[in-house]
Amino acid sequence: MKSIKAAFSVAAATHFGSGSFWLLLFVIAILDDAERRDEQRRKCKRLAKPQVVPVGKPPAGPRPF
């Protein structure tokens, strides 16, 4: 995740209301969830069986109907 320390510090220090502070927390939660989903998707792709693609000539012999 990208460094957001400066923006987070400014939002936490301002006294205009805590809206921007909670908005940043909400954004961090969304980004964290997106990263977790991407990791799960990559893990599923690694564990999935690769499709077998026949290479070369088909086997000799009678063909099924």
Protein backbone atom coordinates (compact mmCIF):
# COMPACT_ATOMS: atom_id res chain seq x y z
CA MET A 1 0.00 0.00 0.00
CA LYS A 2 1.27 3.45 -0.80
CA SER A 3 2.49 5.65 1.99
CA ILE A 4 -0.25 8.03 3.15
CA LYS A 5 1.36 9.13 6.38
CA ALA A 6 1.34 12.85 5.52
CA ALA A 7 -2.32 12.93 4.48
CA PHE A 8 -3.30 10.84 7.48
CA SER A 9 -1.43 13.15 9.87
CA VAL A 10 -3.06 16.27 8.41
CA ALA A 11 -6.52 14.71 8.59
CA ALA A 12 -5.97 13.63 12.18
CA ALA A 13 -4.64 17.04 13.24
CA THR A 14 -7.35 19.24 11.70
CA HIS A 15 -10.19 20.45 13.89
CA PHE A 16 -12.71 21.02 11.12
CA GLY A 17 -14.47 17.87 12.17
CA SER A 18 -13.50 14.30 12.10
CA GLY A 19 -15.08 13.69 8.69
CA SER A 20 -11.82 13.63 6.76
CA PHE A 21 -10.18 11.43 9.39
CA TRP A 22 -12.93 8.80 9.16
CA LEU A 23 -13.00 9.11 5.39
CA LEU A 24 -9.30 8.22 5.29
CA LEU A 25 -9.90 5.23 7.56
CA PHE A 26 -12.70 4.09 5.27
CA VAL A 27 -10.44 4.44 2.20
CA ILE A 28 -7.70 2.43 3.92
CA ALA A 29 -10.20 -0.33 4.70
CA ILE A 30 -11.35 -0.42 1.06
CA LEU A 31 -7.78 -0.59 -0.26
CA ASP A 32 -6.87 -3.33 2.23
CA ASP A 33 -9.92 -5.36 1.20
CA ALA A 34 -9.02 -4.97 -2.47
CA GLU A 35 -5.48 -6.22 -1.82
CA ARG A 36 -6.81 -9.21 0.12
CA ARG A 37 -9.18 -10.12 -2.73
CA ASP A 38 -6.38 -9.83 -5.31
CA GLU A 39 -4.18 -12.14 -3.23
CA GLN A 40 -6.98 -14.70 -2.96
CA ARG A 41 -7.62 -14.51 -6.70
CA ARG A 42 -3.93 -15.08 -7.47
CA LYS A 43 -3.80 -17.99 -5.02
CA CYS A 44 -6.83 -19.66 -6.67
CA LYS A 45 -5.27 -19.27 -10.10
CA ARG A 46 -2.04 -20.90 -8.90
CA LEU A 47 -3.88 -23.83 -7.33
CA ALA A 48 -6.18 -24.40 -10.31
CA LYS A 49 -5.27 -27.27 -12.59
CA PRO A 50 -3.76 -26.13 -15.86
CA GLN A 51 -5.73 -27.09 -18.93
CA VAL A 52 -4.15 -29.91 -20.89
CA VAL A 53 -3.63 -28.94 -24.48
CA PRO A 54 -2.81 -31.83 -26.84
CA VAL A 55 0.42 -31.27 -28.71
CA GLY A 56 1.29 -32.92 -32.01
CA LYS A 57 -0.64 -35.49 -33.97
CA PRO A 58 -3.79 -37.14 -32.64
CA PRO A 59 -3.37 -40.80 -31.62
CA ALA A 60 -3.65 -43.39 -34.35
CA GLY A 61 -6.61 -45.71 -34.36
CA PRO A 62 -10.34 -45.64 -34.82
CA ARG A 63 -12.11 -42.42 -33.99
CA PRO A 64 -15.18 -42.45 -31.72
CA PHE A 65 -18.47 -41.35 -33.24
